[in-house]
Amino acid sequence: MRISKFTHSEKVRMVLESLNTNISTAELCRKYNISPPTFYQWKERFIEAGKASLNGRSNNDMHKNLQKENETLKRIVGELTIVNDAFKKTLEGHKK
């Protein structure tokens, strides 16, 4: 994973600058020496986080929901592994 040379607050400032001024994306990218795809990625993340916030879903809420779903899926995988092992043992017993 590549480490960004810009802090979170610097990225926010750049995105806000693009939204609040008439500066073009190309000019902004030249000004801060960043690639347009990188900038568009930051801007999209910024906008999506804002949309989620307006829907009453914070990143923390989404993170908690994903953690809960992950725990549930891990439990299901564990249960299915136990069942699968039991079937394998049953099949081995029938082969003899």
PDB file of N, CA and C in Angstrom:
ATOM      1  N   MET A   1       0.844  -1.175   0.000  1.00  0.00           N
ATOM      2  CA  MET A   1       0.000   0.000   0.000  1.00  0.00           C
ATOM      3  C   MET A   1       0.890   1.238   0.000  1.00  0.00           C
ATOM      4  N   ARG A   2       0.603   2.157  -0.897  1.00  0.00           N
ATOM      5  CA  ARG A   2       1.379   3.382  -1.018  1.00  0.00           C
ATOM      6  C   ARG A   2       0.957   4.385   0.045  1.00  0.00           C
ATOM      7  N   ILE A   3       1.927   5.008   0.655  1.00  0.00           N
ATOM      8  CA  ILE A   3       1.640   6.010   1.677  1.00  0.00           C
ATOM      9  C   ILE A   3       1.460   7.360   0.987  1.00  0.00           C
ATOM     10  N   SER A   4       0.385   8.032   1.325  1.00  0.00           N
ATOM     11  CA  SER A   4       0.072   9.321   0.711  1.00  0.00           C
ATOM     12  C   SER A   4       0.996  10.400   1.250  1.00  0.00           C
ATOM     13  N   LYS A   5       1.359  11.317   0.368  1.00  0.00           N
ATOM     14  CA  LYS A   5       2.177  12.438   0.820  1.00  0.00           C
ATOM     15  C   LYS A   5       1.315  13.575   1.349  1.00  0.00           C
ATOM     16  N   PHE A   6      -0.001  13.397   1.285  1.00  0.00           N
ATOM     17  CA  PHE A   6      -0.929  14.413   1.770  1.00  0.00           C
ATOM     18  C   PHE A   6      -1.694  13.890   2.977  1.00  0.00           C
ATOM     19  N   THR A   7      -1.903  14.763   3.937  1.00  0.00           N
ATOM     20  CA  THR A   7      -2.688  14.391   5.113  1.00  0.00           C
ATOM     21  C   THR A   7      -4.174  14.416   4.759  1.00  0.00           C
ATOM     22  N   HIS A   8      -4.958  13.869   5.654  1.00  0.00           N
ATOM     23  CA  HIS A   8      -6.415  13.872   5.477  1.00  0.00           C
ATOM     24  C   HIS A   8      -6.927  15.300   5.314  1.00  0.00           C
ATOM     25  N   SER A   9      -6.480  16.195   6.177  1.00  0.00           N
ATOM     26  CA  SER A   9      -6.973  17.578   6.120  1.00  0.00           C
ATOM     27  C   SER A   9      -6.535  18.284   4.833  1.00  0.00           C
ATOM     28  N   GLU A  10      -5.362  17.950   4.315  1.00  0.00           N
ATOM     29  CA  GLU A  10      -4.918  18.548   3.051  1.00  0.00           C
ATOM     30  C   GLU A  10      -5.804  18.080   1.893  1.00  0.00           C
ATOM     31  N   LYS A  11      -6.145  16.807   1.896  1.00  0.00           N
ATOM     32  CA  LYS A  11      -7.026  16.272   0.849  1.00  0.00           C
ATOM     33  C   LYS A  11      -8.394  16.951   0.910  1.00  0.00           C
ATOM     34  N   VAL A  12      -8.923  17.096   2.119  1.00  0.00           N
ATOM     35  CA  VAL A  12     -10.223  17.761   2.293  1.00  0.00           C
ATOM     36  C   VAL A  12     -10.142  19.192   1.785  1.00  0.00           C
ATOM     37  N   ARG A  13      -9.077  19.886   2.135  1.00  0.00           N
ATOM     38  CA  ARG A  13      -8.900  21.269   1.699  1.00  0.00           C
ATOM     39  C   ARG A  13      -8.870  21.363   0.174  1.00  0.00           C
ATOM     40  N   MET A  14      -8.178  20.425  -0.482  1.00  0.00           N
ATOM     41  CA  MET A  14      -8.102  20.438  -1.947  1.00  0.00           C
ATOM     42  C   MET A  14      -9.465  20.181  -2.582  1.00  0.00           C
ATOM     43  N   VAL A  15     -10.199  19.217  -2.031  1.00  0.00           N
ATOM     44  CA  VAL A  15     -11.531  18.920  -2.575  1.00  0.00           C
ATOM     45  C   VAL A  15     -12.449  20.121  -2.380  1.00  0.00           C
ATOM     46  N   LEU A  16     -12.413  20.708  -1.196  1.00  0.00           N
ATOM     47  CA  LEU A  16     -13.247  21.889  -0.945  1.00  0.00           C
ATOM     48  C   LEU A  16     -12.849  23.054  -1.846  1.00  0.00           C
ATOM     49  N   GLU A  17     -11.560  23.193  -2.087  1.00  0.00           N
ATOM     50  CA  GLU A  17     -11.099  24.256  -2.988  1.00  0.00           C
ATOM     51  C   GLU A  17     -11.688  24.054  -4.386  1.00  0.00           C
ATOM     52  N   SER A  18     -11.740  22.815  -4.832  1.00  0.00           N
ATOM     53  CA  SER A  18     -12.297  22.557  -6.170  1.00  0.00           C
ATOM     54  C   SER A  18     -13.793  22.832  -6.213  1.00  0.00           C
ATOM     55  N   LEU A  19     -14.469  22.591  -5.099  1.00  0.00           N
ATOM     56  CA  LEU A  19     -15.917  22.797  -5.054  1.00  0.00           C
ATOM     57  C   LEU A  19     -16.296  24.264  -4.860  1.00  0.00           C
ATOM     58  N   ASN A  20     -15.437  25.016  -4.185  1.00  0.00           N
ATOM     59  CA  ASN A  20     -15.775  26.391  -3.818  1.00  0.00           C
ATOM     60  C   ASN A  20     -15.153  27.464  -4.703  1.00  0.00           C
ATOM     61  N   THR A  21     -14.355  27.063  -5.678  1.00  0.00           N
ATOM     62  CA  THR A  21     -13.724  28.047  -6.561  1.00  0.00           C
ATOM     63  C   THR A  21     -13.977  27.667  -8.015  1.00  0.00           C
ATOM     64  N   ASN A  22     -13.578  28.546  -8.891  1.00  0.00           N
ATOM     65  CA  ASN A  22     -13.720  28.283 -10.327  1.00  0.00           C
ATOM     66  C   ASN A  22     -12.479  27.634 -10.921  1.00  0.00           C
ATOM     67  N   ILE A  23     -11.558  27.204 -10.077  1.00  0.00           N
ATOM     68  CA  ILE A  23     -10.333  26.582 -10.570  1.00  0.00           C
ATOM     69  C   ILE A  23     -10.674  25.225 -11.199  1.00  0.00           C
ATOM     70  N   SER A  24     -10.083  24.947 -12.336  1.00  0.00           N
ATOM     71  CA  SER A  24     -10.363  23.672 -13.011  1.00  0.00           C
ATOM     72  C   SER A  24      -9.622  22.541 -12.302  1.00  0.00           C
ATOM     73  N   THR A  25     -10.097  21.339 -12.524  1.00  0.00           N
ATOM     74  CA  THR A  25      -9.444  20.172 -11.934  1.00  0.00           C
ATOM     75  C   THR A  25      -8.006  20.068 -12.422  1.00  0.00           C
ATOM     76  N   ALA A  26      -7.789  20.331 -13.695  1.00  0.00           N
ATOM     77  CA  ALA A  26      -6.430  20.264 -14.252  1.00  0.00           C
ATOM     78  C   ALA A  26      -5.503  21.257 -13.553  1.00  0.00           C
ATOM     79  N   GLU A  27      -5.995  22.485 -13.341  1.00  0.00           N
ATOM     80  CA  GLU A  27      -5.186  23.507 -12.658  1.00  0.00           C
ATOM     81  C   GLU A  27      -4.889  23.088 -11.225  1.00  0.00           C
ATOM     82  N   LEU A  28      -5.902  22.602 -10.548  1.00  0.00           N
ATOM     83  CA  LEU A  28      -5.739  22.182  -9.160  1.00  0.00           C
ATOM     84  C   LEU A  28      -4.713  21.050  -9.065  1.00  0.00           C
ATOM     85  N   CYS A  29      -4.805  20.091  -9.973  1.00  0.00           N
ATOM     86  CA  CYS A  29      -3.875  18.960  -9.959  1.00  0.00           C
ATOM     87  C   CYS A  29      -2.442  19.420 -10.233  1.00  0.00           C
ATOM     88  N   ARG A  30      -2.286  20.368 -11.147  1.00  0.00           N
ATOM     89  CA  ARG A  30      -0.947  20.921 -11.409  1.00  0.00           C
ATOM     90  C   ARG A  30      -0.434  21.686 -10.186  1.00  0.00           C
ATOM     91  N   LYS A  31      -1.317  22.446  -9.578  1.00  0.00           N
ATOM     92  CA  LYS A  31      -0.952  23.261  -8.411  1.00  0.00           C
ATOM     93  C   LYS A  31      -0.399  22.394  -7.280  1.00  0.00           C
ATOM     94  N   TYR A  32      -1.029  21.232  -7.049  1.00  0.00           N
ATOM     95  CA  TYR A  32      -0.628  20.369  -5.935  1.00  0.00           C
ATOM     96  C   TYR A  32       0.174  19.144  -6.380  1.00  0.00           C
ATOM     97  N   ASN A  33       0.477  19.085  -7.674  1.00  0.00           N
ATOM     98  CA  ASN A  33       1.263  17.985  -8.229  1.00  0.00           C
ATOM     99  C   ASN A  33       0.640  16.613  -7.920  1.00  0.00           C
ATOM    100  N   ILE A  34      -0.646  16.493  -8.249  1.00  0.00           N
ATOM    101  CA  ILE A  34      -1.344  15.214  -8.099  1.00  0.00           C
ATOM    102  C   ILE A  34      -1.975  14.846  -9.441  1.00  0.00           C
ATOM    103  N   SER A  35      -2.217  13.564  -9.623  1.00  0.00           N
ATOM    104  CA  SER A  35      -2.824  13.129 -10.882  1.00  0.00           C
ATOM    105  C   SER A  35      -4.338  13.332 -10.819  1.00  0.00           C
ATOM    106  N   PRO A  36      -4.963  13.648 -11.941  1.00  0.00           N
ATOM    107  CA  PRO A  36      -6.421  13.800 -11.955  1.00  0.00           C
ATOM    108  C   PRO A  36      -7.167  12.564 -11.437  1.00  0.00           C
ATOM    109  N   PRO A  37      -6.762  11.324 -11.807  1.00  0.00           N
ATOM    110  CA  PRO A  37      -7.485  10.162 -11.256  1.00  0.00           C
ATOM    111  C   PRO A  37      -7.432  10.103  -9.727  1.00  0.00           C
ATOM    112  N   THR A  38      -6.277  10.468  -9.167  1.00  0.00           N
ATOM    113  CA  THR A  38      -6.158  10.491  -7.702  1.00  0.00           C
ATOM    114  C   THR A  38      -7.115  11.518  -7.115  1.00  0.00           C
ATOM    115  N   PHE A  39      -7.122  12.697  -7.711  1.00  0.00           N
ATOM    116  CA  PHE A  39      -8.010  13.744  -7.209  1.00  0.00           C
ATOM    117  C   PHE A  39      -9.474  13.329  -7.317  1.00  0.00           C
ATOM    118  N   TYR A  40      -9.860  12.764  -8.464  1.00  0.00           N
ATOM    119  CA  TYR A  40     -11.256  12.345  -8.637  1.00  0.00           C
ATOM    120  C   TYR A  40     -11.638  11.272  -7.617  1.00  0.00           C
ATOM    121  N   GLN A  41     -10.698  10.406  -7.270  1.00  0.00           N
ATOM    122  CA  GLN A  41     -10.957   9.384  -6.252  1.00  0.00           C
ATOM    123  C   GLN A  41     -11.213  10.041  -4.890  1.00  0.00           C
ATOM    124  N   TRP A  42     -10.388  11.001  -4.530  1.00  0.00           N
ATOM    125  CA  TRP A  42     -10.587  11.719  -3.266  1.00  0.00           C
ATOM    126  C   TRP A  42     -11.937  12.424  -3.253  1.00  0.00           C
ATOM    127  N   LYS A  43     -12.250  13.081  -4.357  1.00  0.00           N
ATOM    128  CA  LYS A  43     -13.507  13.835  -4.446  1.00  0.00           C
ATOM    129  C   LYS A  43     -14.707  12.898  -4.328  1.00  0.00           C
ATOM    130  N   GLU A  44     -14.647  11.746  -4.995  1.00  0.00           N
ATOM    131  CA  GLU A  44     -15.747  10.774  -4.935  1.00  0.00           C
ATOM    132  C   GLU A  44     -15.935  10.254  -3.510  1.00  0.00           C
ATOM    133  N   ARG A  45     -14.833   9.931  -2.841  1.00  0.00           N
ATOM    134  CA  ARG A  45     -14.921   9.471  -1.445  1.00  0.00           C
ATOM    135  C   ARG A  45     -15.538  10.547  -0.557  1.00  0.00           C
ATOM    136  N   PHE A  46     -15.111  11.775  -0.770  1.00  0.00           N
ATOM    137  CA  PHE A  46     -15.617  12.908   0.001  1.00  0.00           C
ATOM    138  C   PHE A  46     -17.124  13.044  -0.191  1.00  0.00           C
ATOM    139  N   ILE A  47     -17.577  12.985  -1.418  1.00  0.00           N
ATOM    140  CA  ILE A  47     -19.003  13.137  -1.726  1.00  0.00           C
ATOM    141  C   ILE A  47     -19.804  11.957  -1.184  1.00  0.00           C
ATOM    142  N   GLU A  48     -19.292  10.734  -1.338  1.00  0.00           N
ATOM    143  CA  GLU A  48     -20.005   9.551  -0.834  1.00  0.00           C
ATOM    144  C   GLU A  48     -20.145   9.595   0.685  1.00  0.00           C
ATOM    145  N   ALA A  49     -19.102  10.038   1.376  1.00  0.00           N
ATOM    146  CA  ALA A  49     -19.181  10.145   2.837  1.00  0.00           C
ATOM    147  C   ALA A  49     -20.229  11.175   3.231  1.00  0.00           C
ATOM    148  N   GLY A  50     -20.311  12.254   2.467  1.00  0.00           N
ATOM    149  CA  GLY A  50     -21.335  13.271   2.727  1.00  0.00           C
ATOM    150  C   GLY A  50     -22.731  12.732   2.498  1.00  0.00           C
ATOM    151  N   LYS A  51     -22.911  11.956   1.428  1.00  0.00           N
ATOM    152  CA  LYS A  51     -24.216  11.353   1.145  1.00  0.00           C
ATOM    153  C   LYS A  51     -24.623  10.413   2.265  1.00  0.00           C
ATOM    154  N   ALA A  52     -23.682   9.584   2.715  1.00  0.00           N
ATOM    155  CA  ALA A  52     -23.984   8.644   3.794  1.00  0.00           C
ATOM    156  C   ALA A  52     -24.369   9.397   5.059  1.00  0.00           C
ATOM    157  N   SER A  53     -23.681  10.496   5.319  1.00  0.00           N
ATOM    158  CA  SER A  53     -23.977  11.300   6.496  1.00  0.00           C
ATOM    159  C   SER A  53     -25.382  11.896   6.424  1.00  0.00           C
ATOM    160  N   LEU A  54     -25.767  12.373   5.245  1.00  0.00           N
ATOM    161  CA  LEU A  54     -27.102  12.952   5.080  1.00  0.00           C
ATOM    162  C   LEU A  54     -28.198  11.900   5.169  1.00  0.00           C
ATOM    163  N   ASN A  55     -27.849  10.654   4.897  1.00  0.00           N
ATOM    164  CA  ASN A  55     -28.807   9.560   5.039  1.00  0.00           C
ATOM    165  C   ASN A  55     -28.896   9.085   6.485  1.00  0.00           C
ATOM    166  N   GLY A  56     -28.149   9.741   7.370  1.00  0.00           N
ATOM    167  CA  GLY A  56     -28.177   9.357   8.774  1.00  0.00           C
ATOM    168  C   GLY A  56     -27.266   8.185   9.083  1.00  0.00           C
ATOM    169  N   ARG A  57     -26.408   7.841   8.147  1.00  0.00           N
ATOM    170  CA  ARG A  57     -25.491   6.731   8.350  1.00  0.00           C
ATOM    171  C   ARG A  57     -24.074   7.277   8.379  1.00  0.00           C
ATOM    172  N   SER A  58     -23.460   7.218   9.528  1.00  0.00           N
ATOM    173  CA  SER A  58     -22.080   7.674   9.622  1.00  0.00           C
ATOM    174  C   SER A  58     -21.147   6.533   9.240  1.00  0.00           C
ATOM    175  N   ASN A  59     -19.904   6.873   8.996  1.00  0.00           N
ATOM    176  CA  ASN A  59     -18.913   5.839   8.694  1.00  0.00           C
ATOM    177  C   ASN A  59     -18.799   4.860   9.845  1.00  0.00           C
ATOM    178  N   ASN A  60     -18.927   5.366  11.071  1.00  0.00           N
ATOM    179  CA  ASN A  60     -18.832   4.506  12.240  1.00  0.00           C
ATOM    180  C   ASN A  60     -19.983   3.507  12.260  1.00  0.00           C
ATOM    181  N   ASP A  61     -21.194   3.957  11.928  1.00  0.00           N
ATOM    182  CA  ASP A  61     -22.348   3.058  11.875  1.00  0.00           C
ATOM    183  C   ASP A  61     -22.155   1.999  10.804  1.00  0.00           C
ATOM    184  N   MET A  62     -21.678   2.422   9.638  1.00  0.00           N
ATOM    185  CA  MET A  62     -21.445   1.466   8.556  1.00  0.00           C
ATOM    186  C   MET A  62     -20.373   0.465   8.959  1.00  0.00           C
ATOM    187  N   HIS A  63     -19.333   0.944   9.645  1.00  0.00           N
ATOM    188  CA  HIS A  63     -18.257   0.068  10.097  1.00  0.00           C
ATOM    189  C   HIS A  63     -18.787  -0.964  11.095  1.00  0.00           C
ATOM    190  N   LYS A  64     -19.612  -0.518  12.033  1.00  0.00           N
ATOM    191  CA  LYS A  64     -20.192  -1.439  13.016  1.00  0.00           C
ATOM    192  C   LYS A  64     -21.064  -2.486  12.333  1.00  0.00           C
ATOM    193  N   ASN A  65     -21.864  -2.063  11.348  1.00  0.00           N
ATOM    194  CA  ASN A  65     -22.711  -3.011  10.621  1.00  0.00           C
ATOM    195  C   ASN A  65     -21.874  -4.027   9.862  1.00  0.00           C
ATOM    196  N   LEU A  66     -20.794  -3.574   9.255  1.00  0.00           N
ATOM    197  CA  LEU A  66     -19.919  -4.490   8.527  1.00  0.00           C
ATOM    198  C   LEU A  66     -19.221  -5.459   9.473  1.00  0.00           C
ATOM    199  N   GLN A  67     -18.828  -4.980  10.647  1.00  0.00           N
ATOM    200  CA  GLN A  67     -18.209  -5.861  11.637  1.00  0.00           C
ATOM    201  C   GLN A  67     -19.196  -6.934  12.090  1.00  0.00           C
ATOM    202  N   LYS A  68     -20.437  -6.527  12.338  1.00  0.00           N
ATOM    203  CA  LYS A  68     -21.459  -7.472  12.768  1.00  0.00           C
ATOM    204  C   LYS A  68     -21.706  -8.521  11.678  1.00  0.00           C
ATOM    205  N   GLU A  69     -21.802  -8.066  10.433  1.00  0.00           N
ATOM    206  CA  GLU A  69     -22.012  -8.988   9.315  1.00  0.00           C
ATOM    207  C   GLU A  69     -20.826  -9.941   9.174  1.00  0.00           C
ATOM    208  N   ASN A  70     -19.621  -9.417   9.348  1.00  0.00           N
ATOM    209  CA  ASN A  70     -18.418 -10.238   9.262  1.00  0.00           C
ATOM    210  C   ASN A  70     -18.420 -11.319  10.341  1.00  0.00           C
ATOM    211  N   GLU A  71     -18.782 -10.967  11.563  1.00  0.00           N
ATOM    212  CA  GLU A  71     -18.852 -11.940  12.651  1.00  0.00           C
ATOM    213  C   GLU A  71     -19.881 -13.022  12.352  1.00  0.00           C
ATOM    214  N   THR A  72     -21.036 -12.624  11.829  1.00  0.00           N
ATOM    215  CA  THR A  72     -22.081 -13.582  11.474  1.00  0.00           C
ATOM    216  C   THR A  72     -21.586 -14.538  10.397  1.00  0.00           C
ATOM    217  N   LEU A  73     -20.944 -14.000   9.380  1.00  0.00           N
ATOM    218  CA  LEU A  73     -20.441 -14.842   8.292  1.00  0.00           C
ATOM    219  C   LEU A  73     -19.351 -15.793   8.778  1.00  0.00           C
ATOM    220  N   LYS A  74     -18.491 -15.334   9.671  1.00  0.00           N
ATOM    221  CA  LYS A  74     -17.457 -16.212  10.233  1.00  0.00           C
ATOM    222  C   LYS A  74     -18.091 -17.350  11.029  1.00  0.00           C
ATOM    223  N   ARG A  75     -19.140 -17.036  11.780  1.00  0.00           N
ATOM    224  CA  ARG A  75     -19.831 -18.071  12.553  1.00  0.00           C
ATOM    225  C   ARG A  75     -20.441 -19.103  11.613  1.00  0.00           C
ATOM    226  N   ILE A  76     -21.072 -18.640  10.543  1.00  0.00           N
ATOM    227  CA  ILE A  76     -21.696 -19.546   9.576  1.00  0.00           C
ATOM    228  C   ILE A  76     -20.636 -20.427   8.916  1.00  0.00           C
ATOM    229  N   VAL A  77     -19.504 -19.833   8.544  1.00  0.00           N
ATOM    230  CA  VAL A  77     -18.424 -20.617   7.938  1.00  0.00           C
ATOM    231  C   VAL A  77     -17.936 -21.678   8.920  1.00  0.00           C
ATOM    232  N   GLY A  78     -17.811 -21.315  10.176  1.00  0.00           N
ATOM    233  CA  GLY A  78     -17.392 -22.278  11.195  1.00  0.00           C
ATOM    234  C   GLY A  78     -18.373 -23.431  11.322  1.00  0.00           C
ATOM    235  N   GLU A  79     -19.663 -23.109  11.363  1.00  0.00           N
ATOM    236  CA  GLU A  79     -20.681 -24.153  11.468  1.00  0.00           C
ATOM    237  C   GLU A  79     -20.665 -25.060  10.239  1.00  0.00           C
ATOM    238  N   LEU A  80     -20.541 -24.480   9.067  1.00  0.00           N
ATOM    239  CA  LEU A  80     -20.508 -25.277   7.835  1.00  0.00           C
ATOM    240  C   LEU A  80     -19.253 -26.142   7.762  1.00  0.00           C
ATOM    241  N   THR A  81     -18.158 -25.649   8.298  1.00  0.00           N
ATOM    242  CA  THR A  81     -16.925 -26.439   8.332  1.00  0.00           C
ATOM    243  C   THR A  81     -17.111 -27.668   9.205  1.00  0.00           C
ATOM    244  N   ILE A  82     -17.764 -27.497  10.341  1.00  0.00           N
ATOM    245  CA  ILE A  82     -18.028 -28.631  11.233  1.00  0.00           C
ATOM    246  C   ILE A  82     -18.916 -29.654  10.541  1.00  0.00           C
ATOM    247  N   VAL A  83     -19.974 -29.196   9.892  1.00  0.00           N
ATOM    248  CA  VAL A  83     -20.886 -30.099   9.175  1.00  0.00           C
ATOM    249  C   VAL A  83     -20.139 -30.808   8.051  1.00  0.00           C
ATOM    250  N   ASN A  84     -19.327 -30.074   7.314  1.00  0.00           N
ATOM    251  CA  ASN A  84     -18.560 -30.654   6.211  1.00  0.00           C
ATOM    252  C   ASN A  84     -17.605 -31.730   6.722  1.00  0.00           C
ATOM    253  N   ASP A  85     -16.921 -31.459   7.822  1.00  0.00           N
ATOM    254  CA  ASP A  85     -16.018 -32.453   8.405  1.00  0.00           C
ATOM    255  C   ASP A  85     -16.776 -33.709   8.818  1.00  0.00           C
ATOM    256  N   ALA A  86     -17.967 -33.535   9.378  1.00  0.00           N
ATOM    257  CA  ALA A  86     -18.779 -34.690   9.779  1.00  0.00           C
ATOM    258  C   ALA A  86     -19.169 -35.514   8.556  1.00  0.00           C
ATOM    259  N   PHE A  87     -19.558 -34.866   7.463  1.00  0.00           N
ATOM    260  CA  PHE A  87     -19.900 -35.586   6.229  1.00  0.00           C
ATOM    261  C   PHE A  87     -18.693 -36.334   5.682  1.00  0.00           C
ATOM    262  N   LYS A  88     -17.532 -35.719   5.728  1.00  0.00           N
ATOM    263  CA  LYS A  88     -16.316 -36.378   5.242  1.00  0.00           C
ATOM    264  C   LYS A  88     -16.028 -37.638   6.048  1.00  0.00           C
ATOM    265  N   LYS A  89     -16.170 -37.555   7.368  1.00  0.00           N
ATOM    266  CA  LYS A  89     -15.934 -38.722   8.220  1.00  0.00           C
ATOM    267  C   LYS A  89     -16.946 -39.816   7.926  1.00  0.00           C
ATOM    268  N   THR A  90     -18.198 -39.420   7.685  1.00  0.00           N
ATOM    269  CA  THR A  90     -19.241 -40.396   7.352  1.00  0.00           C
ATOM    270  C   THR A  90     -18.911 -41.080   6.034  1.00  0.00           C
ATOM    271  N   LEU A  91     -18.485 -40.328   5.045  1.00  0.00           N
ATOM    272  CA  LEU A  91     -18.120 -40.897   3.742  1.00  0.00           C
ATOM    273  C   LEU A  91     -16.920 -41.829   3.860  1.00  0.00           C
ATOM    274  N   GLU A  92     -15.940 -41.455   4.655  1.00  0.00           N
ATOM    275  CA  GLU A  92     -14.771 -42.310   4.858  1.00  0.00           C
ATOM    276  C   GLU A  92     -15.182 -43.625   5.498  1.00  0.00           C
ATOM    277  N   GLY A  93     -16.142 -43.577   6.408  1.00  0.00           N
ATOM    278  CA  GLY A  93     -16.633 -44.791   7.068  1.00  0.00           C
ATOM    279  C   GLY A  93     -17.355 -45.705   6.102  1.00  0.00           C
ATOM    280  N   HIS A  94     -18.054 -45.169   5.134  1.00  0.00           N
ATOM    281  CA  HIS A  94     -18.791 -45.970   4.155  1.00  0.00           C
ATOM    282  C   HIS A  94     -17.877 -46.566   3.095  1.00  0.00           C
ATOM    283  N   LYS A  95     -16.720 -45.958   2.852  1.00  0.00           N
ATOM    284  CA  LYS A  95     -15.790 -46.460   1.844  1.00  0.00           C
ATOM    285  C   LYS A  95     -15.092 -47.728   2.308  1.00  0.00           C
ATOM    286  N   LYS A  96     -14.978 -47.917   3.610  1.00  0.00           N
ATOM    287  CA  LYS A  96     -14.255 -49.082   4.152  1.00  0.00           C
ATOM    288  C   LYS A  96     -15.049 -50.331   4.069  1.00  0.00           C
TER     289      LYS A  96
END
